[in-house]
């Protein structure tokens, strides 16, 4: 966990400086690190990360017109409501 957490923190630092709306992932372990651990890493490093994380199947579901309530966004640790609103959902 230590190496993965350090690598994730380094990447979050880089990502947070970019003009992005979210991170889209396919890897379940990456999802754990970038979504679930984001607040822990932020607290340990005094950073205010709030980068929404979407899984590729969630994004694909949106593109296919599946209702947001059926795509599991309620399980995302970093809330995606504002992002979905900006996307028109």
PDB file of N, CA and C in Angstrom:
ATOM      1  N   UNK A   1       0.824  -1.198   0.000  1.00  0.00           N
ATOM      2  CA  UNK A   1       0.000   0.000   0.000  1.00  0.00           C
ATOM      3  C   UNK A   1       0.863   1.254   0.000  1.00  0.00           C
ATOM      4  N   UNK A   2       1.994   1.259   0.668  1.00  0.00           N
ATOM      5  CA  UNK A   2       2.818   2.455   0.779  1.00  0.00           C
ATOM      6  C   UNK A   2       3.300   2.984  -0.556  1.00  0.00           C
ATOM      7  N   UNK A   3       3.833   2.103  -1.394  1.00  0.00           N
ATOM      8  CA  UNK A   3       4.332   2.523  -2.706  1.00  0.00           C
ATOM      9  C   UNK A   3       3.178   3.001  -3.574  1.00  0.00           C
ATOM     10  N   UNK A   4       2.089   2.254  -3.588  1.00  0.00           N
ATOM     11  CA  UNK A   4       0.928   2.630  -4.400  1.00  0.00           C
ATOM     12  C   UNK A   4       0.358   3.971  -3.949  1.00  0.00           C
ATOM     13  N   UNK A   5       0.310   4.175  -2.636  1.00  0.00           N
ATOM     14  CA  UNK A   5      -0.224   5.433  -2.114  1.00  0.00           C
ATOM     15  C   UNK A   5       0.673   6.610  -2.485  1.00  0.00           C
ATOM     16  N   UNK A   6       1.983   6.414  -2.401  1.00  0.00           N
ATOM     17  CA  UNK A   6       2.919   7.484  -2.782  1.00  0.00           C
ATOM     18  C   UNK A   6       2.804   7.805  -4.271  1.00  0.00           C
ATOM     19  N   UNK A   7       2.694   6.768  -5.090  1.00  0.00           N
ATOM     20  CA  UNK A   7       2.546   6.987  -6.531  1.00  0.00           C
ATOM     21  C   UNK A   7       1.234   7.713  -6.835  1.00  0.00           C
ATOM     22  N   UNK A   8       0.181   7.333  -6.145  1.00  0.00           N
ATOM     23  CA  UNK A   8      -1.114   7.978  -6.345  1.00  0.00           C
ATOM     24  C   UNK A   8      -1.047   9.434  -5.927  1.00  0.00           C
ATOM     25  N   UNK A   9      -0.399   9.716  -4.803  1.00  0.00           N
ATOM     26  CA  UNK A   9      -0.265  11.100  -4.349  1.00  0.00           C
ATOM     27  C   UNK A   9       0.502  11.924  -5.375  1.00  0.00           C
ATOM     28  N   UNK A  10       1.574  11.386  -5.896  1.00  0.00           N
ATOM     29  CA  UNK A  10       2.365  12.102  -6.903  1.00  0.00           C
ATOM     30  C   UNK A  10       1.508  12.408  -8.136  1.00  0.00           C
ATOM     31  N   UNK A  11       0.739  11.420  -8.568  1.00  0.00           N
ATOM     32  CA  UNK A  11      -0.119  11.623  -9.740  1.00  0.00           C
ATOM     33  C   UNK A  11      -1.248  12.603  -9.438  1.00  0.00           C
ATOM     34  N   UNK A  12      -1.833  12.528  -8.240  1.00  0.00           N
ATOM     35  CA  UNK A  12      -2.879  13.479  -7.870  1.00  0.00           C
ATOM     36  C   UNK A  12      -2.333  14.900  -7.829  1.00  0.00           C
ATOM     37  N   UNK A  13      -1.108  15.069  -7.344  1.00  0.00           N
ATOM     38  CA  UNK A  13      -0.485  16.396  -7.351  1.00  0.00           C
ATOM     39  C   UNK A  13      -0.391  16.937  -8.767  1.00  0.00           C
ATOM     40  N   UNK A  14       0.043  16.098  -9.689  1.00  0.00           N
ATOM     41  CA  UNK A  14       0.171  16.513 -11.085  1.00  0.00           C
ATOM     42  C   UNK A  14      -1.194  16.798 -11.695  1.00  0.00           C
ATOM     43  N   UNK A  15      -2.127  15.884 -11.497  1.00  0.00           N
ATOM     44  CA  UNK A  15      -3.467  16.024 -12.066  1.00  0.00           C
ATOM     45  C   UNK A  15      -4.162  17.275 -11.537  1.00  0.00           C
ATOM     46  N   UNK A  16      -3.987  17.579 -10.259  1.00  0.00           N
ATOM     47  CA  UNK A  16      -4.681  18.718  -9.652  1.00  0.00           C
ATOM     48  C   UNK A  16      -4.245  20.051 -10.250  1.00  0.00           C
ATOM     49  N   UNK A  17      -3.101  20.082 -10.907  1.00  0.00           N
ATOM     50  CA  UNK A  17      -2.607  21.312 -11.537  1.00  0.00           C
ATOM     51  C   UNK A  17      -3.136  21.489 -12.959  1.00  0.00           C
ATOM     52  N   UNK A  18      -3.799  20.465 -13.472  1.00  0.00           N
ATOM     53  CA  UNK A  18      -4.311  20.495 -14.836  1.00  0.00           C
ATOM     54  C   UNK A  18      -5.769  20.940 -14.851  1.00  0.00           C
ATOM     55  N   UNK A  19      -6.205  21.427 -15.985  1.00  0.00           N
ATOM     56  CA  UNK A  19      -7.593  21.858 -16.144  1.00  0.00           C
ATOM     57  C   UNK A  19      -8.422  20.667 -16.628  1.00  0.00           C
ATOM     58  N   UNK A  20      -8.767  19.784 -15.695  1.00  0.00           N
ATOM     59  CA  UNK A  20      -9.537  18.589 -16.045  1.00  0.00           C
ATOM     60  C   UNK A  20     -10.854  18.587 -15.286  1.00  0.00           C
ATOM     61  N   UNK A  21     -11.797  17.834 -15.794  1.00  0.00           N
ATOM     62  CA  UNK A  21     -13.091  17.711 -15.126  1.00  0.00           C
ATOM     63  C   UNK A  21     -13.167  16.476 -14.244  1.00  0.00           C
ATOM     64  N   UNK A  22     -12.467  15.421 -14.640  1.00  0.00           N
ATOM     65  CA  UNK A  22     -12.527  14.176 -13.886  1.00  0.00           C
ATOM     66  C   UNK A  22     -11.424  13.237 -14.355  1.00  0.00           C
ATOM     67  N   UNK A  23     -11.317  12.124 -13.654  1.00  0.00           N
ATOM     68  CA  UNK A  23     -10.429  11.030 -14.041  1.00  0.00           C
ATOM     69  C   UNK A  23     -11.342   9.875 -14.447  1.00  0.00           C
ATOM     70  N   UNK A  24     -11.053   9.242 -15.581  1.00  0.00           N
ATOM     71  CA  UNK A  24     -11.818   8.072 -16.016  1.00  0.00           C
ATOM     72  C   UNK A  24     -10.894   6.865 -15.961  1.00  0.00           C
ATOM     73  N   UNK A  25     -11.350   5.825 -15.268  1.00  0.00           N
ATOM     74  CA  UNK A  25     -10.526   4.639 -15.044  1.00  0.00           C
ATOM     75  C   UNK A  25     -11.240   3.366 -15.467  1.00  0.00           C
ATOM     76  N   UNK A  26     -10.456   2.363 -15.775  1.00  0.00           N
ATOM     77  CA  UNK A  26     -11.000   1.026 -16.037  1.00  0.00           C
ATOM     78  C   UNK A  26     -10.527   0.040 -14.967  1.00  0.00           C
ATOM     79  N   UNK A  27      -9.403   0.328 -14.342  1.00  0.00           N
ATOM     80  CA  UNK A  27      -8.764  -0.574 -13.385  1.00  0.00           C
ATOM     81  C   UNK A  27      -9.411  -0.452 -11.995  1.00  0.00           C
ATOM     82  N   UNK A  28      -9.931  -1.537 -11.425  1.00  0.00           N
ATOM     83  CA  UNK A  28     -10.540  -1.477 -10.095  1.00  0.00           C
ATOM     84  C   UNK A  28      -9.569  -1.021  -9.002  1.00  0.00           C
ATOM     85  N   UNK A  29      -8.309  -1.465  -9.053  1.00  0.00           N
ATOM     86  CA  UNK A  29      -7.354  -1.039  -8.029  1.00  0.00           C
ATOM     87  C   UNK A  29      -7.086   0.461  -8.144  1.00  0.00           C
ATOM     88  N   UNK A  30      -6.966   0.955  -9.368  1.00  0.00           N
ATOM     89  CA  UNK A  30      -6.780   2.398  -9.564  1.00  0.00           C
ATOM     90  C   UNK A  30      -7.984   3.158  -9.018  1.00  0.00           C
ATOM     91  N   UNK A  31      -9.163   2.578  -9.200  1.00  0.00           N
ATOM     92  CA  UNK A  31     -10.369   3.202  -8.672  1.00  0.00           C
ATOM     93  C   UNK A  31     -10.319   3.334  -7.165  1.00  0.00           C
ATOM     94  N   UNK A  32      -9.841   2.309  -6.509  1.00  0.00           N
ATOM     95  CA  UNK A  32      -9.693   2.367  -5.053  1.00  0.00           C
ATOM     96  C   UNK A  32      -8.717   3.473  -4.678  1.00  0.00           C
ATOM     97  N   UNK A  33      -7.587   3.505  -5.342  1.00  0.00           N
ATOM     98  CA  UNK A  33      -6.554   4.483  -4.985  1.00  0.00           C
ATOM     99  C   UNK A  33      -6.985   5.916  -5.303  1.00  0.00           C
ATOM    100  N   UNK A  34      -7.535   6.151  -6.494  1.00  0.00           N
ATOM    101  CA  UNK A  34      -7.877   7.517  -6.896  1.00  0.00           C
ATOM    102  C   UNK A  34      -9.200   8.002  -6.323  1.00  0.00           C
ATOM    103  N   UNK A  35     -10.131   7.131  -6.090  1.00  0.00           N
ATOM    104  CA  UNK A  35     -11.424   7.551  -5.560  1.00  0.00           C
ATOM    105  C   UNK A  35     -11.478   7.383  -4.045  1.00  0.00           C
ATOM    106  N   UNK A  36     -11.336   6.175  -3.563  1.00  0.00           N
ATOM    107  CA  UNK A  36     -11.515   5.910  -2.140  1.00  0.00           C
ATOM    108  C   UNK A  36     -10.395   6.491  -1.272  1.00  0.00           C
ATOM    109  N   UNK A  37      -9.176   6.469  -1.757  1.00  0.00           N
ATOM    110  CA  UNK A  37      -8.052   6.945  -0.953  1.00  0.00           C
ATOM    111  C   UNK A  37      -7.769   8.433  -1.153  1.00  0.00           C
ATOM    112  N   UNK A  38      -8.457   9.068  -2.088  1.00  0.00           N
ATOM    113  CA  UNK A  38      -8.167  10.464  -2.393  1.00  0.00           C
ATOM    114  C   UNK A  38      -8.296  11.368  -1.169  1.00  0.00           C
ATOM    115  N   UNK A  39      -9.346  11.197  -0.391  1.00  0.00           N
ATOM    116  CA  UNK A  39      -9.528  12.050   0.790  1.00  0.00           C
ATOM    117  C   UNK A  39      -8.474  11.762   1.850  1.00  0.00           C
ATOM    118  N   UNK A  40      -8.081  10.506   2.009  1.00  0.00           N
ATOM    119  CA  UNK A  40      -7.030  10.145   2.964  1.00  0.00           C
ATOM    120  C   UNK A  40      -5.695  10.766   2.552  1.00  0.00           C
ATOM    121  N   UNK A  41      -5.360  10.640   1.293  1.00  0.00           N
ATOM    122  CA  UNK A  41      -4.112  11.221   0.782  1.00  0.00           C
ATOM    123  C   UNK A  41      -4.155  12.735   0.913  1.00  0.00           C
ATOM    124  N   UNK A  42      -5.305  13.338   0.626  1.00  0.00           N
ATOM    125  CA  UNK A  42      -5.445  14.791   0.741  1.00  0.00           C
ATOM    126  C   UNK A  42      -5.236  15.244   2.180  1.00  0.00           C
ATOM    127  N   UNK A  43      -5.804  14.518   3.130  1.00  0.00           N
ATOM    128  CA  UNK A  43      -5.669  14.881   4.542  1.00  0.00           C
ATOM    129  C   UNK A  43      -4.226  14.759   5.014  1.00  0.00           C
ATOM    130  N   UNK A  44      -3.542  13.726   4.556  1.00  0.00           N
ATOM    131  CA  UNK A  44      -2.152  13.515   4.964  1.00  0.00           C
ATOM    132  C   UNK A  44      -1.198  14.526   4.342  1.00  0.00           C
ATOM    133  N   UNK A  45      -1.580  15.097   3.211  1.00  0.00           N
ATOM    134  CA  UNK A  45      -0.669  16.004   2.509  1.00  0.00           C
ATOM    135  C   UNK A  45      -1.152  17.448   2.524  1.00  0.00           C
ATOM    136  N   UNK A  46      -2.222  17.728   3.259  1.00  0.00           N
ATOM    137  CA  UNK A  46      -2.809  19.073   3.326  1.00  0.00           C
ATOM    138  C   UNK A  46      -3.196  19.608   1.955  1.00  0.00           C
ATOM    139  N   UNK A  47      -3.628  18.729   1.077  1.00  0.00           N
ATOM    140  CA  UNK A  47      -4.107  19.126  -0.246  1.00  0.00           C
ATOM    141  C   UNK A  47      -5.622  19.007  -0.254  1.00  0.00           C
ATOM    142  N   UNK A  48      -6.263  19.802  -1.049  1.00  0.00           N
ATOM    143  CA  UNK A  48      -7.724  19.777  -1.126  1.00  0.00           C
ATOM    144  C   UNK A  48      -8.244  19.060  -2.351  1.00  0.00           C
ATOM    145  N   UNK A  49      -7.802  17.831  -2.552  1.00  0.00           N
ATOM    146  CA  UNK A  49      -8.264  17.092  -3.724  1.00  0.00           C
ATOM    147  C   UNK A  49      -9.762  16.840  -3.644  1.00  0.00           C
ATOM    148  N   UNK A  50     -10.438  17.092  -4.722  1.00  0.00           N
ATOM    149  CA  UNK A  50     -11.855  16.743  -4.886  1.00  0.00           C
ATOM    150  C   UNK A  50     -12.067  16.417  -6.362  1.00  0.00           C
ATOM    151  N   UNK A  51     -11.216  15.556  -6.895  1.00  0.00           N
ATOM    152  CA  UNK A  51     -11.248  15.226  -8.314  1.00  0.00           C
ATOM    153  C   UNK A  51     -12.220  14.066  -8.520  1.00  0.00           C
ATOM    154  N   UNK A  52     -13.327  14.313  -9.227  1.00  0.00           N
ATOM    155  CA  UNK A  52     -14.274  13.223  -9.472  1.00  0.00           C
ATOM    156  C   UNK A  52     -13.617  12.093 -10.264  1.00  0.00           C
ATOM    157  N   UNK A  53     -13.982  10.872  -9.918  1.00  0.00           N
ATOM    158  CA  UNK A  53     -13.443   9.689 -10.588  1.00  0.00           C
ATOM    159  C   UNK A  53     -14.618   8.891 -11.148  1.00  0.00           C
ATOM    160  N   UNK A  54     -14.568   8.630 -12.443  1.00  0.00           N
ATOM    161  CA  UNK A  54     -15.583   7.807 -13.092  1.00  0.00           C
ATOM    162  C   UNK A  54     -14.933   6.523 -13.571  1.00  0.00           C
ATOM    163  N   UNK A  55     -15.672   5.448 -13.457  1.00  0.00           N
ATOM    164  CA  UNK A  55     -15.232   4.205 -14.080  1.00  0.00           C
ATOM    165  C   UNK A  55     -15.702   4.231 -15.528  1.00  0.00           C
ATOM    166  N   UNK A  56     -14.912   3.655 -16.409  1.00  0.00           N
ATOM    167  CA  UNK A  56     -15.262   3.639 -17.829  1.00  0.00           C
ATOM    168  C   UNK A  56     -16.683   3.112 -18.069  1.00  0.00           C
ATOM    169  N   UNK A  57     -17.097   2.026 -17.419  1.00  0.00           N
ATOM    170  CA  UNK A  57     -18.474   1.558 -17.634  1.00  0.00           C
ATOM    171  C   UNK A  57     -19.530   2.604 -17.245  1.00  0.00           C
ATOM    172  N   UNK A  58     -19.238   3.437 -16.243  1.00  0.00           N
ATOM    173  CA  UNK A  58     -20.171   4.504 -15.876  1.00  0.00           C
ATOM    174  C   UNK A  58     -20.261   5.532 -17.002  1.00  0.00           C
ATOM    175  N   UNK A  59     -19.118   5.923 -17.544  1.00  0.00           N
ATOM    176  CA  UNK A  59     -19.090   6.892 -18.638  1.00  0.00           C
ATOM    177  C   UNK A  59     -19.782   6.319 -19.876  1.00  0.00           C
ATOM    178  N   UNK A  60     -19.516   5.069 -20.175  1.00  0.00           N
ATOM    179  CA  UNK A  60     -20.165   4.405 -21.302  1.00  0.00           C
ATOM    180  C   UNK A  60     -21.677   4.356 -21.089  1.00  0.00           C
ATOM    181  N   UNK A  61     -22.086   4.056 -19.872  1.00  0.00           N
ATOM    182  CA  UNK A  61     -23.513   4.036 -19.552  1.00  0.00           C
ATOM    183  C   UNK A  61     -24.174   5.382 -19.797  1.00  0.00           C
ATOM    184  N   UNK A  62     -23.488   6.469 -19.418  1.00  0.00           N
ATOM    185  CA  UNK A  62     -24.015   7.807 -19.689  1.00  0.00           C
ATOM    186  C   UNK A  62     -24.174   8.027 -21.187  1.00  0.00           C
ATOM    187  N   UNK A  63     -23.155   7.640 -21.946  1.00  0.00           N
ATOM    188  CA  UNK A  63     -23.189   7.812 -23.403  1.00  0.00           C
ATOM    189  C   UNK A  63     -24.323   7.006 -24.037  1.00  0.00           C
ATOM    190  N   UNK A  64     -24.657   5.877 -23.439  1.00  0.00           N
ATOM    191  CA  UNK A  64     -25.725   5.023 -23.963  1.00  0.00           C
ATOM    192  C   UNK A  64     -27.112   5.436 -23.465  1.00  0.00           C
ATOM    193  N   UNK A  65     -27.157   6.464 -22.602  1.00  0.00           N
ATOM    194  CA  UNK A  65     -28.436   6.970 -22.125  1.00  0.00           C
ATOM    195  C   UNK A  65     -29.003   6.256 -20.916  1.00  0.00           C
ATOM    196  N   UNK A  66     -28.197   5.484 -20.231  1.00  0.00           N
ATOM    197  CA  UNK A  66     -28.664   4.799 -19.021  1.00  0.00           C
ATOM    198  C   UNK A  66     -28.837   5.829 -17.903  1.00  0.00           C
ATOM    199  N   UNK A  67     -29.896   5.702 -17.142  1.00  0.00           N
ATOM    200  CA  UNK A  67     -30.172   6.640 -16.054  1.00  0.00           C
ATOM    201  C   UNK A  67     -29.019   6.666 -15.053  1.00  0.00           C
ATOM    202  N   UNK A  68     -28.689   7.854 -14.580  1.00  0.00           N
ATOM    203  CA  UNK A  68     -27.563   8.002 -13.649  1.00  0.00           C
ATOM    204  C   UNK A  68     -27.766   7.181 -12.379  1.00  0.00           C
ATOM    205  N   UNK A  69     -29.018   7.018 -11.946  1.00  0.00           N
ATOM    206  CA  UNK A  69     -29.298   6.263 -10.729  1.00  0.00           C
ATOM    207  C   UNK A  69     -28.923   4.789 -10.873  1.00  0.00           C
ATOM    208  N   UNK A  70     -28.843   4.302 -12.095  1.00  0.00           N
ATOM    209  CA  UNK A  70     -28.537   2.894 -12.338  1.00  0.00           C
ATOM    210  C   UNK A  70     -27.049   2.638 -12.568  1.00  0.00           C
ATOM    211  N   UNK A  71     -26.232   3.694 -12.530  1.00  0.00           N
ATOM    212  CA  UNK A  71     -24.810   3.552 -12.867  1.00  0.00           C
ATOM    213  C   UNK A  71     -23.885   3.516 -11.652  1.00  0.00           C
ATOM    214  N   UNK A  72     -24.448   3.501 -10.455  1.00  0.00           N
ATOM    215  CA  UNK A  72     -23.641   3.321  -9.252  1.00  0.00           C
ATOM    216  C   UNK A  72     -22.848   4.534  -8.803  1.00  0.00           C
ATOM    217  N   UNK A  73     -23.251   5.730  -9.231  1.00  0.00           N
ATOM    218  CA  UNK A  73     -22.512   6.921  -8.817  1.00  0.00           C
ATOM    219  C   UNK A  73     -22.593   7.156  -7.313  1.00  0.00           C
ATOM    220  N   UNK A  74     -23.614   6.600  -6.674  1.00  0.00           N
ATOM    221  CA  UNK A  74     -23.741   6.752  -5.225  1.00  0.00           C
ATOM    222  C   UNK A  74     -22.634   6.023  -4.473  1.00  0.00           C
ATOM    223  N   UNK A  75     -21.918   5.119  -5.142  1.00  0.00           N
ATOM    224  CA  UNK A  75     -20.811   4.406  -4.493  1.00  0.00           C
ATOM    225  C   UNK A  75     -19.477   5.124  -4.658  1.00  0.00           C
ATOM    226  N   UNK A  76     -19.434   6.157  -5.505  1.00  0.00           N
ATOM    227  CA  UNK A  76     -18.196   6.920  -5.665  1.00  0.00           C
ATOM    228  C   UNK A  76     -17.916   7.702  -4.385  1.00  0.00           C
ATOM    229  N   UNK A  77     -16.693   7.667  -3.915  1.00  0.00           N
ATOM    230  CA  UNK A  77     -16.330   8.401  -2.695  1.00  0.00           C
ATOM    231  C   UNK A  77     -16.302   9.902  -2.938  1.00  0.00           C
ATOM    232  N   UNK A  78     -15.692  10.311  -4.041  1.00  0.00           N
ATOM    233  CA  UNK A  78     -15.685  11.725  -4.417  1.00  0.00           C
ATOM    234  C   UNK A  78     -16.977  11.959  -5.190  1.00  0.00           C
ATOM    235  N   UNK A  79     -17.797  12.864  -4.710  1.00  0.00           N
ATOM    236  CA  UNK A  79     -19.108  13.099  -5.307  1.00  0.00           C
ATOM    237  C   UNK A  79     -18.974  13.598  -6.747  1.00  0.00           C
ATOM    238  N   UNK A  80     -19.857  13.099  -7.607  1.00  0.00           N
ATOM    239  CA  UNK A  80     -19.808  13.439  -9.030  1.00  0.00           C
ATOM    240  C   UNK A  80     -21.027  14.255  -9.471  1.00  0.00           C
ATOM    241  N   UNK A  81     -21.875  14.660  -8.535  1.00  0.00           N
ATOM    242  CA  UNK A  81     -23.111  15.374  -8.873  1.00  0.00           C
ATOM    243  C   UNK A  81     -22.852  16.633  -9.698  1.00  0.00           C
ATOM    244  N   UNK A  82     -21.901  17.446  -9.272  1.00  0.00           N
ATOM    245  CA  UNK A  82     -21.595  18.689  -9.987  1.00  0.00           C
ATOM    246  C   UNK A  82     -21.086  18.394 -11.399  1.00  0.00           C
ATOM    247  N   UNK A  83     -20.247  17.387 -11.524  1.00  0.00           N
ATOM    248  CA  UNK A  83     -19.735  16.982 -12.833  1.00  0.00           C
ATOM    249  C   UNK A  83     -20.878  16.533 -13.735  1.00  0.00           C
ATOM    250  N   UNK A  84     -21.759  15.694 -13.219  1.00  0.00           N
ATOM    251  CA  UNK A  84     -22.889  15.210 -14.011  1.00  0.00           C
ATOM    252  C   UNK A  84     -23.785  16.361 -14.443  1.00  0.00           C
ATOM    253  N   UNK A  85     -23.973  17.332 -13.569  1.00  0.00           N
ATOM    254  CA  UNK A  85     -24.786  18.498 -13.906  1.00  0.00           C
ATOM    255  C   UNK A  85     -24.145  19.288 -15.047  1.00  0.00           C
ATOM    256  N   UNK A  86     -22.827  19.485 -14.971  1.00  0.00           N
ATOM    257  CA  UNK A  86     -22.123  20.200 -16.052  1.00  0.00           C
ATOM    258  C   UNK A  86     -22.194  19.432 -17.368  1.00  0.00           C
ATOM    259  N   UNK A  87     -22.295  18.100 -17.270  1.00  0.00           N
ATOM    260  CA  UNK A  87     -22.391  17.259 -18.462  1.00  0.00           C
ATOM    261  C   UNK A  87     -23.824  17.195 -18.997  1.00  0.00           C
ATOM    262  N   UNK A  88     -24.762  17.769 -18.262  1.00  0.00           N
ATOM    263  CA  UNK A  88     -26.149  17.793 -18.708  1.00  0.00           C
ATOM    264  C   UNK A  88     -26.996  16.638 -18.220  1.00  0.00           C
ATOM    265  N   UNK A  89     -26.583  15.985 -17.139  1.00  0.00           N
ATOM    266  CA  UNK A  89     -27.346  14.854 -16.591  1.00  0.00           C
ATOM    267  C   UNK A  89     -27.965  15.216 -15.260  1.00  0.00           C
TER     268      UNK A  89
END
